[in-house]
Amino acid sequence: MQETIMIVEDDEMIRNLIRIYLKKSGYGVVEANDGEEAKSVYLEHLPCLIILDLMLPKVSGEEFYAWLRERDQHDVSIIMLSAKARIDDKITGLNLGADAYMTKPFDPNELVAQVEAVLRRTDHFCQKIVREGLCIMPRKGEVLLYGNEIKLTRYEFNLLYYFMQNPNIVLSREQLINQIYSHNDDTVMDRTIDAHIKKLREKIEDNSARPTRVVTVRGMGYKFVANK
């Protein structure tokens, strides 16, 4: 699972510089140039860590951070960036709950080192797969859809996990049966899988009658569609 880092920074040159260094270090990167855009980008990608500039247009970094906490989004690490270099400002940022605080200008290599240090402490935040707003956390047994938890049965959870591990691949009913059921269970039939998928679609699709995530491939099986 590739760790995804979100950069929230209105200065394009700084944002590009951070992206280059993060990608060079093997991280996935998503970006927002203001606090308002950051909300939608966050809900779609649910990153492991956010590099957050505090002085942003439209919605400030502090306001965006407060929005995260209001939504009870604690499973994300925060590194704050700011031109404010006074020790009081750093203490305020850390007291808000930031995992690290860096002042501008900064060395991008030091920033990457901070990212790596924070992720070593919060590795459990990154044990997840995210596909366009749909997030599964196998170690916690939880599924989020645009930040909101949805309840799945054990079979539905295992089915979704297998789909998300194998995006854009056609999976036959036999493969799905072998993956989510006990090998000793000889009573499972194709229509059982179809019933589970029907229920799963009702929970994760915008319109379960016209699914766009779990689609039927006629005569072959099912496919989990992931565009990103």
Protein backbone atom coordinates (compact mmCIF):
# COMPACT_ATOMS: atom_id res chain seq x y z
CA MET A 1 0.00 0.00 0.00
CA GLN A 2 1.58 3.26 -1.10
CA GLU A 3 1.44 6.01 1.51
CA THR A 4 -0.34 9.11 0.25
CA ILE A 5 0.74 12.57 1.39
CA MET A 6 -1.45 15.64 0.89
CA ILE A 7 0.14 19.06 0.33
CA VAL A 8 -2.01 22.08 1.20
CA GLU A 9 -0.04 25.10 0.03
CA ASP A 10 -1.05 28.15 -2.02
CA ASP A 11 2.47 28.92 -3.28
CA GLU A 12 2.79 26.88 -6.48
CA MET A 13 6.60 26.88 -6.47
CA ILE A 14 6.75 25.54 -2.92
CA ARG A 15 4.03 22.99 -3.66
CA ASN A 16 5.88 21.75 -6.74
CA LEU A 17 9.15 21.50 -4.81
CA ILE A 18 7.57 19.44 -2.03
CA ARG A 19 5.84 17.18 -4.56
CA ILE A 20 9.10 16.46 -6.39
CA TYR A 21 10.92 15.47 -3.20
CA LEU A 22 8.05 13.36 -1.87
CA LYS A 23 7.60 11.47 -5.13
CA LYS A 24 11.35 10.92 -5.33
CA SER A 25 11.05 9.27 -1.90
CA GLY A 26 8.29 6.95 -3.13
CA TYR A 27 5.17 8.61 -1.74
CA GLY A 28 1.90 9.20 -3.51
CA VAL A 29 0.99 12.89 -3.56
CA VAL A 30 -2.28 14.82 -3.80
CA GLU A 31 -2.52 18.61 -3.61
CA ALA A 32 -4.75 21.55 -2.74
CA ASN A 33 -3.95 25.24 -3.07
CA ASP A 34 -6.37 26.55 -0.43
CA GLY A 35 -8.25 25.36 2.61
CA GLU A 36 -11.59 25.04 0.83
CA GLU A 37 -10.22 22.80 -1.92
CA ALA A 38 -8.37 20.82 0.74
CA LYS A 39 -11.67 19.60 2.20
CA SER A 40 -12.83 17.87 -1.00
CA VAL A 41 -9.34 16.53 -1.80
CA TYR A 42 -9.07 15.11 1.71
CA LEU A 43 -12.43 13.33 1.57
CA GLU A 44 -11.59 11.78 -1.80
CA HIS A 45 -8.10 10.53 -0.92
CA LEU A 46 -8.01 10.25 2.91
CA PRO A 47 -4.21 10.67 3.03
CA CYS A 48 -1.92 9.30 5.73
CA LEU A 49 -0.32 12.69 6.37
CA ILE A 50 -1.01 16.33 5.51
CA ILE A 51 1.64 19.00 5.00
CA LEU A 52 -0.40 22.06 5.89
CA ASP A 53 0.49 25.69 5.27
CA LEU A 54 -1.22 27.79 7.93
CA MET A 55 -1.57 30.98 5.87
CA LEU A 56 -4.02 30.00 3.12
CA PRO A 57 -6.65 31.88 1.11
CA LYS A 58 -10.41 31.28 1.53
CA VAL A 59 -10.06 28.90 4.47
CA SER A 60 -6.96 29.17 6.64
CA GLY A 61 -4.82 26.24 7.69
CA GLU A 62 -6.08 26.58 11.27
CA GLU A 63 -9.71 26.52 10.04
CA PHE A 64 -9.07 23.48 7.87
CA TYR A 65 -7.42 21.72 10.81
CA ALA A 66 -10.43 22.56 13.00
CA TRP A 67 -12.73 21.16 10.27
CA LEU A 68 -10.80 17.88 10.36
CA ARG A 69 -11.17 17.59 14.10
CA GLU A 70 -14.86 18.53 14.02
CA ARG A 71 -15.38 15.57 11.69
CA ASP A 72 -13.44 13.39 14.15
CA GLN A 73 -10.79 12.77 11.49
CA HIS A 74 -7.96 11.80 13.84
CA ASP A 75 -6.45 9.10 11.64
CA VAL A 76 -4.22 11.55 9.81
CA SER A 77 -0.88 13.11 10.77
CA ILE A 78 -0.22 16.83 10.33
CA ILE A 79 3.02 18.69 9.63
CA MET A 80 2.38 22.43 9.82
CA LEU A 81 4.29 24.90 7.65
CA SER A 82 4.43 28.56 8.51
CA ALA A 83 6.42 31.72 7.97
CA LYS A 84 5.88 32.40 11.66
CA ALA A 85 9.14 31.44 13.34
CA ARG A 86 8.57 32.60 16.92
CA ILE A 87 8.70 29.87 19.54
CA ASP A 88 5.20 30.86 20.73
CA ASP A 89 3.82 30.17 17.25
CA LYS A 90 5.48 26.75 17.18
CA ILE A 91 4.09 25.90 20.61
CA THR A 92 0.61 27.00 19.52
CA GLY A 93 0.80 24.79 16.42
CA LEU A 94 1.96 21.77 18.39
CA ASN A 95 -0.67 22.36 21.07
CA LEU A 96 -3.33 22.30 18.36
CA GLY A 97 -2.27 18.73 17.73
CA ALA A 98 0.28 18.96 14.93
CA ASP A 99 2.83 16.14 14.77
CA ALA A 100 5.56 18.56 13.64
CA TYR A 101 5.99 22.26 12.89
CA MET A 102 8.41 23.65 10.30
CA THR A 103 9.13 27.25 9.42
CA LYS A 104 9.69 28.76 5.99
CA PRO A 105 12.10 28.77 4.30
CA PHE A 106 12.90 25.10 4.84
CA ASP A 107 15.18 22.44 3.45
CA PRO A 108 13.03 19.95 1.45
CA ASN A 109 15.29 17.10 2.56
CA GLU A 110 14.56 18.00 6.18
CA LEU A 111 10.84 18.05 5.40
CA VAL A 112 11.02 14.56 3.90
CA ALA A 113 12.93 13.41 6.99
CA GLN A 114 10.15 14.85 9.17
CA VAL A 115 7.55 13.02 7.06
CA GLU A 116 9.40 9.74 7.50
CA ALA A 117 9.80 10.28 11.24
CA VAL A 118 6.11 11.08 11.73
CA LEU A 119 4.99 8.09 9.66
CA ARG A 120 7.19 5.76 11.68
CA ARG A 121 5.25 6.84 14.76
CA THR A 122 1.83 6.70 13.11
CA ASP A 123 2.19 3.76 10.73
CA HIS A 124 -1.27 2.44 11.64
CA PHE A 125 -2.81 5.49 9.92
CA CYS A 126 -1.52 4.22 6.58
CA GLN A 127 -2.78 0.64 6.78
CA LYS A 128 -5.59 1.32 4.34
CA ILE A 129 -6.59 1.30 0.67
CA VAL A 130 -8.34 4.38 -0.73
CA ARG A 131 -10.12 4.50 -4.08
CA GLU A 132 -11.94 7.73 -4.89
CA GLY A 133 -13.38 8.43 -1.48
CA LEU A 134 -13.88 4.79 -0.51
CA CYS A 135 -11.45 3.70 2.19
CA ILE A 136 -10.96 0.26 3.75
CA MET A 137 -8.82 -0.23 6.85
CA PRO A 138 -8.25 -3.98 7.23
CA ARG A 139 -6.47 -3.79 10.59
CA LYS A 140 -9.30 -1.77 12.14
CA GLY A 141 -12.09 -3.56 10.29
CA GLU A 142 -13.57 -0.25 9.16
CA VAL A 143 -14.81 1.20 5.89
CA LEU A 144 -15.30 4.90 5.19
CA LEU A 145 -17.12 6.53 2.30
CA TYR A 146 -16.04 10.17 1.92
CA GLY A 147 -15.06 10.19 5.58
CA ASN A 148 -18.27 8.62 6.90
CA GLU A 149 -18.19 5.12 8.35
CA ILE A 150 -20.37 2.50 6.71
CA LYS A 151 -21.27 -0.81 8.32
CA LEU A 152 -20.57 -4.02 6.40
CA THR A 153 -21.10 -7.65 7.30
CA ARG A 154 -18.02 -9.88 7.52
CA TYR A 155 -18.65 -11.29 4.04
CA GLU A 156 -19.25 -7.84 2.55
CA PHE A 157 -16.06 -6.53 4.16
CA ASN A 158 -13.95 -9.43 2.88
CA LEU A 159 -15.50 -9.11 -0.56
CA LEU A 160 -14.77 -5.36 -0.73
CA TYR A 161 -11.21 -5.86 0.55
CA TYR A 162 -10.51 -8.42 -2.17
CA PHE A 163 -12.00 -6.15 -4.82
CA MET A 164 -9.95 -3.16 -3.68
CA GLN A 165 -6.77 -5.22 -3.62
CA ASN A 166 -7.43 -6.16 -7.26
CA PRO A 167 -8.76 -3.03 -8.99
CA ASN A 168 -9.74 -3.11 -12.67
CA ILE A 169 -9.38 -6.90 -12.82
CA VAL A 170 -12.31 -9.14 -13.76
CA LEU A 171 -12.92 -11.64 -10.94
CA SER A 172 -15.07 -14.70 -11.53
CA ARG A 173 -17.70 -15.83 -9.08
CA GLU A 174 -15.59 -18.91 -8.36
CA GLN A 175 -12.61 -16.72 -7.43
CA LEU A 176 -14.78 -14.63 -5.13
CA ILE A 177 -16.30 -17.71 -3.48
CA ASN A 178 -12.86 -19.20 -2.86
CA GLN A 179 -11.62 -15.91 -1.41
CA ILE A 180 -14.33 -15.09 1.10
CA TYR A 181 -15.79 -18.45 2.16
CA SER A 182 -14.41 -21.39 4.06
CA HIS A 183 -13.09 -24.14 1.83
CA ASN A 184 -15.25 -26.52 3.86
CA ASP A 185 -18.45 -24.73 2.88
CA ASP A 186 -19.87 -26.62 -0.09
CA THR A 187 -23.27 -24.92 0.05
CA VAL A 188 -22.16 -21.61 -1.45
CA MET A 189 -23.54 -20.94 -4.91
CA ASP A 190 -23.14 -18.20 -7.49
CA ARG A 191 -26.37 -16.54 -6.43
CA THR A 192 -24.98 -16.20 -2.88
CA ILE A 193 -22.15 -14.02 -4.20
CA ASP A 194 -24.65 -12.08 -6.30
CA ALA A 195 -26.71 -11.38 -3.18
CA HIS A 196 -23.69 -10.14 -1.24
CA ILE A 197 -22.66 -7.88 -4.12
CA LYS A 198 -26.20 -6.49 -4.33
CA LYS A 199 -26.06 -5.57 -0.64
CA LEU A 200 -22.53 -4.17 -0.97
CA ARG A 201 -23.58 -1.97 -3.88
CA GLU A 202 -26.45 -0.57 -1.82
CA LYS A 203 -23.89 0.66 0.70
CA ILE A 204 -21.05 1.98 -1.50
CA GLU A 205 -22.67 3.09 -4.75
CA ASP A 206 -24.37 6.42 -5.42
CA ASN A 207 -26.98 4.50 -7.39
CA SER A 208 -26.93 0.74 -6.78
CA ALA A 209 -29.11 0.17 -9.84
CA ARG A 210 -26.37 1.73 -12.00
CA PRO A 211 -23.14 0.83 -10.20
CA THR A 212 -19.88 2.52 -11.11
CA ARG A 213 -17.56 0.92 -8.54
CA VAL A 214 -18.44 -2.78 -8.63
CA VAL A 215 -19.59 -3.50 -12.18
CA THR A 216 -20.82 -6.69 -13.81
CA VAL A 217 -18.80 -8.08 -16.70
CA ARG A 218 -21.34 -10.20 -18.51
CA GLY A 219 -20.42 -13.86 -18.78
CA MET A 220 -17.20 -13.39 -16.75
CA GLY A 221 -17.88 -12.00 -13.28
CA TYR A 222 -17.34 -8.67 -11.54
CA LYS A 223 -14.79 -5.88 -11.61
CA PHE A 224 -13.95 -3.13 -9.14
CA VAL A 225 -13.42 0.01 -11.19
CA ALA A 226 -10.76 2.43 -9.93
CA ASN A 227 -9.90 5.39 -12.11
CA LYS A 228 -7.11 6.67 -9.85
